[in-house]
Amino acid sequence: MELVTYIIAAVLAFFGLMFVVGMEGEFIRLIIGLVLMAGAGVMVYLTKMRPRKQETTIVQKIDLSGDVSLEQMRCRSCNGALSKDAIEVRAGAIFVNCPYCGTSYQIEEAPKW
């Protein structure tokens, strides 16, 4: 989008310069040329001053309900010990990727009733 704005500003500045150079004593051509060049300058200034998009970081926090006790997580298939790197959150669900056997599954919380 910036490139298009710069091209349009260059065209306006070119036509403004042409009006000023070819005014041949006509005051209205001088005014039109200056207005076109001022418009080109304003376009370039506003494009330079426009705020840039900033990179956003999304942090997901998991809030567990009820009594939670910490224990070592183990793989369902091979019973290997899992670290925090083996767990990821995708689309709001918790998935486990076992580094030992390559099994991937979703953790589901069993209802307490």
PDB file of N, CA and C in Angstrom:
ATOM      1  N   MET A   1       0.820  -1.184   0.000  1.00  0.00           N
ATOM      2  CA  MET A   1       0.000   0.000   0.000  1.00  0.00           C
ATOM      3  C   MET A   1       0.866   1.250   0.000  1.00  0.00           C
ATOM      4  N   GLU A   2       2.012   1.190   0.689  1.00  0.00           N
ATOM      5  CA  GLU A   2       2.901   2.338   0.720  1.00  0.00           C
ATOM      6  C   GLU A   2       3.439   2.649  -0.668  1.00  0.00           C
ATOM      7  N   LEU A   3       3.755   1.611  -1.414  1.00  0.00           N
ATOM      8  CA  LEU A   3       4.301   1.814  -2.745  1.00  0.00           C
ATOM      9  C   LEU A   3       3.308   2.550  -3.636  1.00  0.00           C
ATOM     10  N   VAL A   4       2.041   2.167  -3.561  1.00  0.00           N
ATOM     11  CA  VAL A   4       1.000   2.830  -4.360  1.00  0.00           C
ATOM     12  C   VAL A   4       0.891   4.295  -3.967  1.00  0.00           C
ATOM     13  N   THR A   5       0.946   4.573  -2.672  1.00  0.00           N
ATOM     14  CA  THR A   5       0.865   5.958  -2.195  1.00  0.00           C
ATOM     15  C   THR A   5       2.042   6.775  -2.709  1.00  0.00           C
ATOM     16  N   TYR A   6       3.236   6.203  -2.690  1.00  0.00           N
ATOM     17  CA  TYR A   6       4.409   6.922  -3.183  1.00  0.00           C
ATOM     18  C   TYR A   6       4.327   7.169  -4.690  1.00  0.00           C
ATOM     19  N   ILE A   7       3.794   6.221  -5.438  1.00  0.00           N
ATOM     20  CA  ILE A   7       3.646   6.401  -6.886  1.00  0.00           C
ATOM     21  C   ILE A   7       2.650   7.520  -7.177  1.00  0.00           C
ATOM     22  N   ILE A   8       1.519   7.519  -6.479  1.00  0.00           N
ATOM     23  CA  ILE A   8       0.524   8.576  -6.678  1.00  0.00           C
ATOM     24  C   ILE A   8       1.104   9.932  -6.291  1.00  0.00           C
ATOM     25  N   ALA A   9       1.862   9.987  -5.194  1.00  0.00           N
ATOM     26  CA  ALA A   9       2.485  11.245  -4.775  1.00  0.00           C
ATOM     27  C   ALA A   9       3.496  11.721  -5.819  1.00  0.00           C
ATOM     28  N   ALA A  10       4.245  10.804  -6.419  1.00  0.00           N
ATOM     29  CA  ALA A  10       5.211  11.183  -7.452  1.00  0.00           C
ATOM     30  C   ALA A  10       4.503  11.739  -8.681  1.00  0.00           C
ATOM     31  N   VAL A  11       3.389  11.133  -9.074  1.00  0.00           N
ATOM     32  CA  VAL A  11       2.617  11.622 -10.221  1.00  0.00           C
ATOM     33  C   VAL A  11       2.066  13.018  -9.926  1.00  0.00           C
ATOM     34  N   LEU A  12       1.525  13.214  -8.716  1.00  0.00           N
ATOM     35  CA  LEU A  12       1.023  14.535  -8.348  1.00  0.00           C
ATOM     36  C   LEU A  12       2.138  15.579  -8.356  1.00  0.00           C
ATOM     37  N   ALA A  13       3.294  15.220  -7.818  1.00  0.00           N
ATOM     38  CA  ALA A  13       4.420  16.154  -7.795  1.00  0.00           C
ATOM     39  C   ALA A  13       4.887  16.469  -9.211  1.00  0.00           C
ATOM     40  N   PHE A  14       4.894  15.468 -10.081  1.00  0.00           N
ATOM     41  CA  PHE A  14       5.290  15.692 -11.480  1.00  0.00           C
ATOM     42  C   PHE A  14       4.342  16.665 -12.164  1.00  0.00           C
ATOM     43  N   PHE A  15       3.034  16.423 -12.049  1.00  0.00           N
ATOM     44  CA  PHE A  15       2.069  17.332 -12.678  1.00  0.00           C
ATOM     45  C   PHE A  15       2.115  18.721 -12.040  1.00  0.00           C
ATOM     46  N   GLY A  16       2.347  18.788 -10.739  1.00  0.00           N
ATOM     47  CA  GLY A  16       2.491  20.081 -10.085  1.00  0.00           C
ATOM     48  C   GLY A  16       3.676  20.849 -10.627  1.00  0.00           C
ATOM     49  N   LEU A  17       4.803  20.155 -10.811  1.00  0.00           N
ATOM     50  CA  LEU A  17       5.987  20.791 -11.381  1.00  0.00           C
ATOM     51  C   LEU A  17       5.718  21.253 -12.815  1.00  0.00           C
ATOM     52  N   MET A  18       5.003  20.442 -13.574  1.00  0.00           N
ATOM     53  CA  MET A  18       4.674  20.813 -14.960  1.00  0.00           C
ATOM     54  C   MET A  18       3.801  22.073 -14.994  1.00  0.00           C
ATOM     55  N   PHE A  19       2.856  22.184 -14.079  1.00  0.00           N
ATOM     56  CA  PHE A  19       2.008  23.377 -14.024  1.00  0.00           C
ATOM     57  C   PHE A  19       2.828  24.609 -13.657  1.00  0.00           C
ATOM     58  N   VAL A  20       3.771  24.454 -12.713  1.00  0.00           N
ATOM     59  CA  VAL A  20       4.579  25.598 -12.290  1.00  0.00           C
ATOM     60  C   VAL A  20       5.529  26.032 -13.412  1.00  0.00           C
ATOM     61  N   VAL A  21       6.193  25.059 -14.067  1.00  0.00           N
ATOM     62  CA  VAL A  21       7.137  25.383 -15.137  1.00  0.00           C
ATOM     63  C   VAL A  21       6.411  25.989 -16.339  1.00  0.00           C
ATOM     64  N   GLY A  22       5.244  25.465 -16.665  1.00  0.00           N
ATOM     65  CA  GLY A  22       4.520  25.930 -17.848  1.00  0.00           C
ATOM     66  C   GLY A  22       3.466  26.976 -17.554  1.00  0.00           C
ATOM     67  N   MET A  23       3.642  27.775 -16.525  1.00  0.00           N
ATOM     68  CA  MET A  23       2.589  28.727 -16.159  1.00  0.00           C
ATOM     69  C   MET A  23       2.457  29.889 -17.137  1.00  0.00           C
ATOM     70  N   GLU A  24       3.528  30.250 -17.823  1.00  0.00           N
ATOM     71  CA  GLU A  24       3.513  31.296 -18.859  1.00  0.00           C
ATOM     72  C   GLU A  24       2.773  32.547 -18.404  1.00  0.00           C
ATOM     73  N   GLY A  25       3.013  32.953 -17.196  1.00  0.00           N
ATOM     74  CA  GLY A  25       2.421  34.180 -16.685  1.00  0.00           C
ATOM     75  C   GLY A  25       1.006  34.050 -16.154  1.00  0.00           C
ATOM     76  N   GLU A  26       0.423  32.855 -16.222  1.00  0.00           N
ATOM     77  CA  GLU A  26      -0.933  32.661 -15.687  1.00  0.00           C
ATOM     78  C   GLU A  26      -0.823  32.264 -14.220  1.00  0.00           C
ATOM     79  N   PHE A  27      -1.408  33.096 -13.372  1.00  0.00           N
ATOM     80  CA  PHE A  27      -1.320  32.899 -11.927  1.00  0.00           C
ATOM     81  C   PHE A  27      -2.047  31.639 -11.471  1.00  0.00           C
ATOM     82  N   ILE A  28      -3.138  31.256 -12.136  1.00  0.00           N
ATOM     83  CA  ILE A  28      -3.936  30.086 -11.728  1.00  0.00           C
ATOM     84  C   ILE A  28      -3.134  28.796 -11.896  1.00  0.00           C
ATOM     85  N   ARG A  29      -2.278  28.742 -12.939  1.00  0.00           N
ATOM     86  CA  ARG A  29      -1.450  27.544 -13.130  1.00  0.00           C
ATOM     87  C   ARG A  29      -0.426  27.401 -11.994  1.00  0.00           C
ATOM     88  N   LEU A  30       0.085  28.525 -11.522  1.00  0.00           N
ATOM     89  CA  LEU A  30       1.016  28.494 -10.383  1.00  0.00           C
ATOM     90  C   LEU A  30       0.309  27.955  -9.143  1.00  0.00           C
ATOM     91  N   ILE A  31      -0.893  28.402  -8.899  1.00  0.00           N
ATOM     92  CA  ILE A  31      -1.654  27.936  -7.730  1.00  0.00           C
ATOM     93  C   ILE A  31      -1.949  26.442  -7.837  1.00  0.00           C
ATOM     94  N   ILE A  32      -2.395  26.000  -9.017  1.00  0.00           N
ATOM     95  CA  ILE A  32      -2.699  24.565  -9.212  1.00  0.00           C
ATOM     96  C   ILE A  32      -1.438  23.730  -9.015  1.00  0.00           C
ATOM     97  N   GLY A  33      -0.321  24.178  -9.567  1.00  0.00           N
ATOM     98  CA  GLY A  33       0.935  23.442  -9.415  1.00  0.00           C
ATOM     99  C   GLY A  33       1.374  23.346  -7.963  1.00  0.00           C
ATOM    100  N   LEU A  34       1.252  24.439  -7.239  1.00  0.00           N
ATOM    101  CA  LEU A  34       1.642  24.416  -5.822  1.00  0.00           C
ATOM    102  C   LEU A  34       0.714  23.529  -4.999  1.00  0.00           C
ATOM    103  N   VAL A  35      -0.574  23.555  -5.318  1.00  0.00           N
ATOM    104  CA  VAL A  35      -1.520  22.694  -4.601  1.00  0.00           C
ATOM    105  C   VAL A  35      -1.213  21.225  -4.875  1.00  0.00           C
ATOM    106  N   LEU A  36      -0.895  20.887  -6.132  1.00  0.00           N
ATOM    107  CA  LEU A  36      -0.562  19.489  -6.453  1.00  0.00           C
ATOM    108  C   LEU A  36       0.717  19.043  -5.738  1.00  0.00           C
ATOM    109  N   MET A  37       1.720  19.903  -5.715  1.00  0.00           N
ATOM    110  CA  MET A  37       2.968  19.535  -5.026  1.00  0.00           C
ATOM    111  C   MET A  37       2.763  19.459  -3.516  1.00  0.00           C
ATOM    112  N   ALA A  38       1.943  20.338  -2.962  1.00  0.00           N
ATOM    113  CA  ALA A  38       1.648  20.266  -1.527  1.00  0.00           C
ATOM    114  C   ALA A  38       0.880  18.982  -1.205  1.00  0.00           C
ATOM    115  N   GLY A  39      -0.052  18.595  -2.074  1.00  0.00           N
ATOM    116  CA  GLY A  39      -0.787  17.346  -1.871  1.00  0.00           C
ATOM    117  C   GLY A  39       0.137  16.147  -1.889  1.00  0.00           C
ATOM    118  N   ALA A  40       1.126  16.159  -2.795  1.00  0.00           N
ATOM    119  CA  ALA A  40       2.107  15.069  -2.848  1.00  0.00           C
ATOM    120  C   ALA A  40       2.921  15.026  -1.558  1.00  0.00           C
ATOM    121  N   GLY A  41       3.319  16.196  -1.076  1.00  0.00           N
ATOM    122  CA  GLY A  41       4.083  16.243   0.166  1.00  0.00           C
ATOM    123  C   GLY A  41       3.290  15.751   1.359  1.00  0.00           C
ATOM    124  N   VAL A  42       2.006  16.114   1.416  1.00  0.00           N
ATOM    125  CA  VAL A  42       1.143  15.660   2.513  1.00  0.00           C
ATOM    126  C   VAL A  42       0.969  14.143   2.460  1.00  0.00           C
ATOM    127  N   MET A  43       0.805  13.586   1.254  1.00  0.00           N
ATOM    128  CA  MET A  43       0.659  12.133   1.130  1.00  0.00           C
ATOM    129  C   MET A  43       1.898  11.404   1.628  1.00  0.00           C
ATOM    130  N   VAL A  44       3.071  11.903   1.263  1.00  0.00           N
ATOM    131  CA  VAL A  44       4.317  11.265   1.712  1.00  0.00           C
ATOM    132  C   VAL A  44       4.458  11.394   3.225  1.00  0.00           C
ATOM    133  N   TYR A  45       4.153  12.573   3.769  1.00  0.00           N
ATOM    134  CA  TYR A  45       4.262  12.785   5.219  1.00  0.00           C
ATOM    135  C   TYR A  45       3.327  11.853   5.989  1.00  0.00           C
ATOM    136  N   LEU A  46       2.064  11.757   5.544  1.00  0.00           N
ATOM    137  CA  LEU A  46       1.104  10.908   6.249  1.00  0.00           C
ATOM    138  C   LEU A  46       1.466   9.435   6.145  1.00  0.00           C
ATOM    139  N   THR A  47       2.040   9.039   5.020  1.00  0.00           N
ATOM    140  CA  THR A  47       2.463   7.646   4.877  1.00  0.00           C
ATOM    141  C   THR A  47       3.625   7.343   5.811  1.00  0.00           C
ATOM    142  N   LYS A  48       4.556   8.276   5.952  1.00  0.00           N
ATOM    143  CA  LYS A  48       5.689   8.066   6.858  1.00  0.00           C
ATOM    144  C   LYS A  48       5.255   8.051   8.318  1.00  0.00           C
ATOM    145  N   MET A  49       4.255   8.850   8.678  1.00  0.00           N
ATOM    146  CA  MET A  49       3.841   8.980  10.076  1.00  0.00           C
ATOM    147  C   MET A  49       2.786   7.952  10.499  1.00  0.00           C
ATOM    148  N   ARG A  50       2.288   7.166   9.569  1.00  0.00           N
ATOM    149  CA  ARG A  50       1.272   6.172   9.905  1.00  0.00           C
ATOM    150  C   ARG A  50       1.864   5.127  10.840  1.00  0.00           C
ATOM    151  N   PRO A  51       1.137   4.775  11.911  1.00  0.00           N
ATOM    152  CA  PRO A  51       1.681   3.775  12.845  1.00  0.00           C
ATOM    153  C   PRO A  51       1.798   2.405  12.183  1.00  0.00           C
ATOM    154  N   ARG A  52       2.863   1.727  12.490  1.00  0.00           N
ATOM    155  CA  ARG A  52       3.120   0.391  11.946  1.00  0.00           C
ATOM    156  C   ARG A  52       2.420  -0.665  12.779  1.00  0.00           C
ATOM    157  N   LYS A  53       2.143  -1.794  12.163  1.00  0.00           N
ATOM    158  CA  LYS A  53       1.546  -2.909  12.897  1.00  0.00           C
ATOM    159  C   LYS A  53       2.601  -3.502  13.821  1.00  0.00           C
ATOM    160  N   GLN A  54       2.178  -3.797  15.043  1.00  0.00           N
ATOM    161  CA  GLN A  54       3.088  -4.393  16.007  1.00  0.00           C
ATOM    162  C   GLN A  54       2.767  -5.869  16.143  1.00  0.00           C
ATOM    163  N   GLU A  55       3.797  -6.633  16.403  1.00  0.00           N
ATOM    164  CA  GLU A  55       3.630  -8.063  16.589  1.00  0.00           C
ATOM    165  C   GLU A  55       2.937  -8.324  17.920  1.00  0.00           C
ATOM    166  N   THR A  56       1.927  -9.160  17.901  1.00  0.00           N
ATOM    167  CA  THR A  56       1.205  -9.468  19.128  1.00  0.00           C
ATOM    168  C   THR A  56       1.581 -10.859  19.626  1.00  0.00           C
ATOM    169  N   THR A  57       1.603 -10.991  20.914  1.00  0.00           N
ATOM    170  CA  THR A  57       1.890 -12.273  21.547  1.00  0.00           C
ATOM    171  C   THR A  57       0.646 -12.734  22.282  1.00  0.00           C
ATOM    172  N   ILE A  58       0.228 -13.952  22.007  1.00  0.00           N
ATOM    173  CA  ILE A  58      -0.950 -14.514  22.653  1.00  0.00           C
ATOM    174  C   ILE A  58      -0.499 -15.467  23.748  1.00  0.00           C
ATOM    175  N   VAL A  59      -0.996 -15.253  24.942  1.00  0.00           N
ATOM    176  CA  VAL A  59      -0.663 -16.098  26.082  1.00  0.00           C
ATOM    177  C   VAL A  59      -1.938 -16.794  26.526  1.00  0.00           C
ATOM    178  N   GLN A  60      -1.906 -18.116  26.567  1.00  0.00           N
ATOM    179  CA  GLN A  60      -3.055 -18.881  27.029  1.00  0.00           C
ATOM    180  C   GLN A  60      -2.760 -19.411  28.425  1.00  0.00           C
ATOM    181  N   LYS A  61      -3.708 -19.189  29.314  1.00  0.00           N
ATOM    182  CA  LYS A  61      -3.567 -19.698  30.672  1.00  0.00           C
ATOM    183  C   LYS A  61      -4.670 -20.718  30.906  1.00  0.00           C
ATOM    184  N   ILE A  62      -4.316 -21.783  31.578  1.00  0.00           N
ATOM    185  CA  ILE A  62      -5.265 -22.849  31.864  1.00  0.00           C
ATOM    186  C   ILE A  62      -5.648 -22.748  33.329  1.00  0.00           C
ATOM    187  N   ASP A  63      -6.922 -22.595  33.584  1.00  0.00           N
ATOM    188  CA  ASP A  63      -7.428 -22.477  34.939  1.00  0.00           C
ATOM    189  C   ASP A  63      -8.141 -23.780  35.280  1.00  0.00           C
ATOM    190  N   LEU A  64      -7.583 -24.554  36.197  1.00  0.00           N
ATOM    191  CA  LEU A  64      -8.161 -25.843  36.554  1.00  0.00           C
ATOM    192  C   LEU A  64      -9.117 -25.673  37.722  1.00  0.00           C
ATOM    193  N   SER A  65     -10.225 -26.344  37.629  1.00  0.00           N
ATOM    194  CA  SER A  65     -11.219 -26.258  38.696  1.00  0.00           C
ATOM    195  C   SER A  65     -11.022 -27.409  39.685  1.00  0.00           C
ATOM    196  N   GLY A  66     -11.471 -27.201  40.905  1.00  0.00           N
ATOM    197  CA  GLY A  66     -11.414 -28.264  41.913  1.00  0.00           C
ATOM    198  C   GLY A  66     -10.032 -28.422  42.509  1.00  0.00           C
ATOM    199  N   ASP A  67      -9.845 -29.515  43.232  1.00  0.00           N
ATOM    200  CA  ASP A  67      -8.566 -29.807  43.870  1.00  0.00           C
ATOM    201  C   ASP A  67      -7.611 -30.388  42.836  1.00  0.00           C
ATOM    202  N   VAL A  68      -6.455 -29.786  42.740  1.00  0.00           N
ATOM    203  CA  VAL A  68      -5.459 -30.227  41.778  1.00  0.00           C
ATOM    204  C   VAL A  68      -4.183 -30.520  42.548  1.00  0.00           C
ATOM    205  N   SER A  69      -3.632 -31.706  42.323  1.00  0.00           N
ATOM    206  CA  SER A  69      -2.359 -32.046  42.947  1.00  0.00           C
ATOM    207  C   SER A  69      -1.341 -32.299  41.841  1.00  0.00           C
ATOM    208  N   LEU A  70      -0.130 -31.917  42.099  1.00  0.00           N
ATOM    209  CA  LEU A  70       0.934 -32.049  41.120  1.00  0.00           C
ATOM    210  C   LEU A  70       1.477 -33.468  41.150  1.00  0.00           C
ATOM    211  N   GLU A  71       1.580 -34.042  39.970  1.00  0.00           N
ATOM    212  CA  GLU A  71       2.168 -35.377  39.862  1.00  0.00           C
ATOM    213  C   GLU A  71       2.893 -35.466  38.529  1.00  0.00           C
ATOM    214  N   GLN A  72       3.776 -36.413  38.401  1.00  0.00           N
ATOM    215  CA  GLN A  72       4.531 -36.608  37.168  1.00  0.00           C
ATOM    216  C   GLN A  72       3.596 -37.142  36.087  1.00  0.00           C
ATOM    217  N   MET A  73       3.584 -36.484  34.953  1.00  0.00           N
ATOM    218  CA  MET A  73       2.753 -36.964  33.848  1.00  0.00           C
ATOM    219  C   MET A  73       3.490 -38.067  33.116  1.00  0.00           C
ATOM    220  N   ARG A  74       2.735 -39.071  32.718  1.00  0.00           N
ATOM    221  CA  ARG A  74       3.312 -40.203  31.996  1.00  0.00           C
ATOM    222  C   ARG A  74       2.492 -40.474  30.745  1.00  0.00           C
ATOM    223  N   CYS A  75       3.154 -40.985  29.722  1.00  0.00           N
ATOM    224  CA  CYS A  75       2.508 -41.292  28.449  1.00  0.00           C
ATOM    225  C   CYS A  75       1.546 -42.461  28.621  1.00  0.00           C
ATOM    226  N   ARG A  76       0.383 -42.385  27.968  1.00  0.00           N
ATOM    227  CA  ARG A  76      -0.597 -43.488  28.033  1.00  0.00           C
ATOM    228  C   ARG A  76      -0.067 -44.755  27.370  1.00  0.00           C
ATOM    229  N   SER A  77       0.734 -44.598  26.312  1.00  0.00           N
ATOM    230  CA  SER A  77       1.174 -45.763  25.540  1.00  0.00           C
ATOM    231  C   SER A  77       2.415 -46.436  26.125  1.00  0.00           C
ATOM    232  N   CYS A  78       3.463 -45.655  26.359  1.00  0.00           N
ATOM    233  CA  CYS A  78       4.731 -46.263  26.768  1.00  0.00           C
ATOM    234  C   CYS A  78       5.096 -45.997  28.218  1.00  0.00           C
ATOM    235  N   ASN A  79       4.297 -45.225  28.941  1.00  0.00           N
ATOM    236  CA  ASN A  79       4.516 -44.891  30.343  1.00  0.00           C
ATOM    237  C   ASN A  79       5.808 -44.088  30.561  1.00  0.00           C
ATOM    238  N   GLY A  80       6.265 -43.390  29.512  1.00  0.00           N
ATOM    239  CA  GLY A  80       7.459 -42.553  29.624  1.00  0.00           C
ATOM    240  C   GLY A  80       7.118 -41.245  30.332  1.00  0.00           C
ATOM    241  N   ALA A  81       8.088 -40.702  31.073  1.00  0.00           N
ATOM    242  CA  ALA A  81       7.891 -39.447  31.786  1.00  0.00           C
ATOM    243  C   ALA A  81       7.833 -38.290  30.780  1.00  0.00           C
ATOM    244  N   LEU A  82       6.838 -37.437  30.938  1.00  0.00           N
ATOM    245  CA  LEU A  82       6.642 -36.318  30.022  1.00  0.00           C
ATOM    246  C   LEU A  82       7.079 -35.012  30.682  1.00  0.00           C
ATOM    247  N   SER A  83       7.697 -34.157  29.902  1.00  0.00           N
ATOM    248  CA  SER A  83       8.105 -32.843  30.401  1.00  0.00           C
ATOM    249  C   SER A  83       7.125 -31.795  29.877  1.00  0.00           C
ATOM    250  N   LYS A  84       7.326 -30.551  30.278  1.00  0.00           N
ATOM    251  CA  LYS A  84       6.430 -29.477  29.834  1.00  0.00           C
ATOM    252  C   LYS A  84       6.553 -29.242  28.336  1.00  0.00           C
ATOM    253  N   ASP A  85       7.656 -29.619  27.729  1.00  0.00           N
ATOM    254  CA  ASP A  85       7.830 -29.445  26.285  1.00  0.00           C
ATOM    255  C   ASP A  85       6.972 -30.405  25.479  1.00  0.00           C
ATOM    256  N   ALA A  86       6.506 -31.491  26.088  1.00  0.00           N
ATOM    257  CA  ALA A  86       5.684 -32.475  25.391  1.00  0.00           C
ATOM    258  C   ALA A  86       4.220 -32.065  25.358  1.00  0.00           C
ATOM    259  N   ILE A  87       3.860 -30.984  26.050  1.00  0.00           N
ATOM    260  CA  ILE A  87       2.458 -30.565  26.145  1.00  0.00           C
ATOM    261  C   ILE A  87       2.282 -29.264  25.371  1.00  0.00           C
ATOM    262  N   GLU A  88       1.205 -29.185  24.577  1.00  0.00           N
ATOM    263  CA  GLU A  88       0.894 -27.955  23.865  1.00  0.00           C
ATOM    264  C   GLU A  88      -0.621 -27.751  23.831  1.00  0.00           C
ATOM    265  N   VAL A  89      -1.017 -26.500  23.660  1.00  0.00           N
ATOM    266  CA  VAL A  89      -2.436 -26.146  23.609  1.00  0.00           C
ATOM    267  C   VAL A  89      -2.765 -25.774  22.169  1.00  0.00           C
ATOM    268  N   ARG A  90      -3.731 -26.477  21.581  1.00  0.00           N
ATOM    269  CA  ARG A  90      -4.200 -26.187  20.225  1.00  0.00           C
ATOM    270  C   ARG A  90      -5.705 -26.042  20.254  1.00  0.00           C
ATOM    271  N   ALA A  91      -6.185 -24.918  19.794  1.00  0.00           N
ATOM    272  CA  ALA A  91      -7.627 -24.643  19.703  1.00  0.00           C
ATOM    273  C   ALA A  91      -8.309 -24.839  21.053  1.00  0.00           C
ATOM    274  N   GLY A  92      -7.622 -24.477  22.126  1.00  0.00           N
ATOM    275  CA  GLY A  92      -8.196 -24.540  23.457  1.00  0.00           C
ATOM    276  C   GLY A  92      -8.139 -25.916  24.105  1.00  0.00           C
ATOM    277  N   ALA A  93      -7.582 -26.908  23.429  1.00  0.00           N
ATOM    278  CA  ALA A  93      -7.482 -28.259  23.982  1.00  0.00           C
ATOM    279  C   ALA A  93      -6.011 -28.571  24.279  1.00  0.00           C
ATOM    280  N   ILE A  94      -5.793 -29.403  25.277  1.00  0.00           N
ATOM    281  CA  ILE A  94      -4.435 -29.769  25.687  1.00  0.00           C
ATOM    282  C   ILE A  94      -4.039 -31.069  24.986  1.00  0.00           C
ATOM    283  N   PHE A  95      -2.920 -31.021  24.257  1.00  0.00           N
ATOM    284  CA  PHE A  95      -2.432 -32.188  23.534  1.00  0.00           C
ATOM    285  C   PHE A  95      -1.072 -32.592  24.077  1.00  0.00           C
ATOM    286  N   VAL A  96      -0.802 -33.907  24.075  1.00  0.00           N
ATOM    287  CA  VAL A  96       0.465 -34.460  24.520  1.00  0.00           C
ATOM    288  C   VAL A  96       1.132 -35.125  23.326  1.00  0.00           C
ATOM    289  N   ASN A  97       2.404 -34.822  23.118  1.00  0.00           N
ATOM    290  CA  ASN A  97       3.209 -35.463  22.083  1.00  0.00           C
ATOM    291  C   ASN A  97       4.366 -36.165  22.781  1.00  0.00           C
ATOM    292  N   CYS A  98       4.329 -37.481  22.849  1.00  0.00           N
ATOM    293  CA  CYS A  98       5.348 -38.239  23.569  1.00  0.00           C
ATOM    294  C   CYS A  98       6.647 -38.247  22.769  1.00  0.00           C
ATOM    295  N   PRO A  99       7.763 -37.816  23.392  1.00  0.00           N
ATOM    296  CA  PRO A  99       9.037 -37.820  22.677  1.00  0.00           C
ATOM    297  C   PRO A  99       9.649 -39.216  22.548  1.00  0.00           C
ATOM    298  N   TYR A 100       9.140 -40.181  23.309  1.00  0.00           N
ATOM    299  CA  TYR A 100       9.709 -41.534  23.298  1.00  0.00           C
ATOM    300  C   TYR A 100       9.067 -42.419  22.243  1.00  0.00           C
ATOM    301  N   CYS A 101       7.733 -42.497  22.248  1.00  0.00           N
ATOM    302  CA  CYS A 101       7.057 -43.404  21.311  1.00  0.00           C
ATOM    303  C   CYS A 101       6.371 -42.662  20.164  1.00  0.00           C
ATOM    304  N   GLY A 102       6.304 -41.335  20.219  1.00  0.00           N
ATOM    305  CA  GLY A 102       5.712 -40.556  19.136  1.00  0.00           C
ATOM    306  C   GLY A 102       4.197 -40.476  19.165  1.00  0.00           C
ATOM    307  N   THR A 103       3.568 -41.000  20.223  1.00  0.00           N
ATOM    308  CA  THR A 103       2.112 -40.966  20.344  1.00  0.00           C
ATOM    309  C   THR A 103       1.651 -39.536  20.593  1.00  0.00           C
ATOM    310  N   SER A 104       0.527 -39.172  19.978  1.00  0.00           N
ATOM    311  CA  SER A 104      -0.055 -37.857  20.192  1.00  0.00           C
ATOM    312  C   SER A 104      -1.520 -38.049  20.566  1.00  0.00           C
ATOM    313  N   TYR A 105      -1.938 -37.438  21.672  1.00  0.00           N
ATOM    314  CA  TYR A 105      -3.324 -37.572  22.112  1.00  0.00           C
ATOM    315  C   TYR A 105      -3.744 -36.335  22.894  1.00  0.00           C
ATOM    316  N   GLN A 106      -5.056 -36.211  23.052  1.00  0.00           N
ATOM    317  CA  GLN A 106      -5.623 -35.073  23.766  1.00  0.00           C
ATOM    318  C   GLN A 106      -5.925 -35.479  25.195  1.00  0.00           C
ATOM    319  N   ILE A 107      -5.605 -34.594  26.149  1.00  0.00           N
ATOM    320  CA  ILE A 107      -5.924 -34.852  27.540  1.00  0.00           C
ATOM    321  C   ILE A 107      -7.371 -34.403  27.787  1.00  0.00           C
ATOM    322  N   GLU A 108      -8.154 -35.291  28.342  1.00  0.00           N
ATOM    323  CA  GLU A 108      -9.542 -34.968  28.658  1.00  0.00           C
ATOM    324  C   GLU A 108      -9.734 -35.112  30.163  1.00  0.00           C
ATOM    325  N   GLU A 109     -10.348 -34.096  30.759  1.00  0.00           N
ATOM    326  CA  GLU A 109     -10.601 -34.134  32.182  1.00  0.00           C
ATOM    327  C   GLU A 109     -11.883 -34.932  32.441  1.00  0.00           C
ATOM    328  N   ALA A 110     -11.778 -35.914  33.308  1.00  0.00           N
ATOM    329  CA  ALA A 110     -12.950 -36.729  33.638  1.00  0.00           C
ATOM    330  C   ALA A 110     -13.859 -35.931  34.568  1.00  0.00           C
ATOM    331  N   PRO A 111     -15.170 -36.039  34.382  1.00  0.00           N
ATOM    332  CA  PRO A 111     -16.077 -35.315  35.280  1.00  0.00           C
ATOM    333  C   PRO A 111     -15.955 -35.854  36.708  1.00  0.00           C
ATOM    334  N   LYS A 112     -16.195 -34.986  37.672  1.00  0.00           N
ATOM    335  CA  LYS A 112     -16.014 -35.342  39.080  1.00  0.00           C
ATOM    336  C   LYS A 112     -17.287 -35.909  39.721  1.00  0.00           C
ATOM    337  N   TRP A 113     -18.414 -35.956  39.045  1.00  0.00           N
ATOM    338  CA  TRP A 113     -19.646 -36.402  39.680  1.00  0.00           C
ATOM    339  C   TRP A 113     -19.836 -37.868  39.647  1.00  0.00           C
TER     340      TRP A 113
END
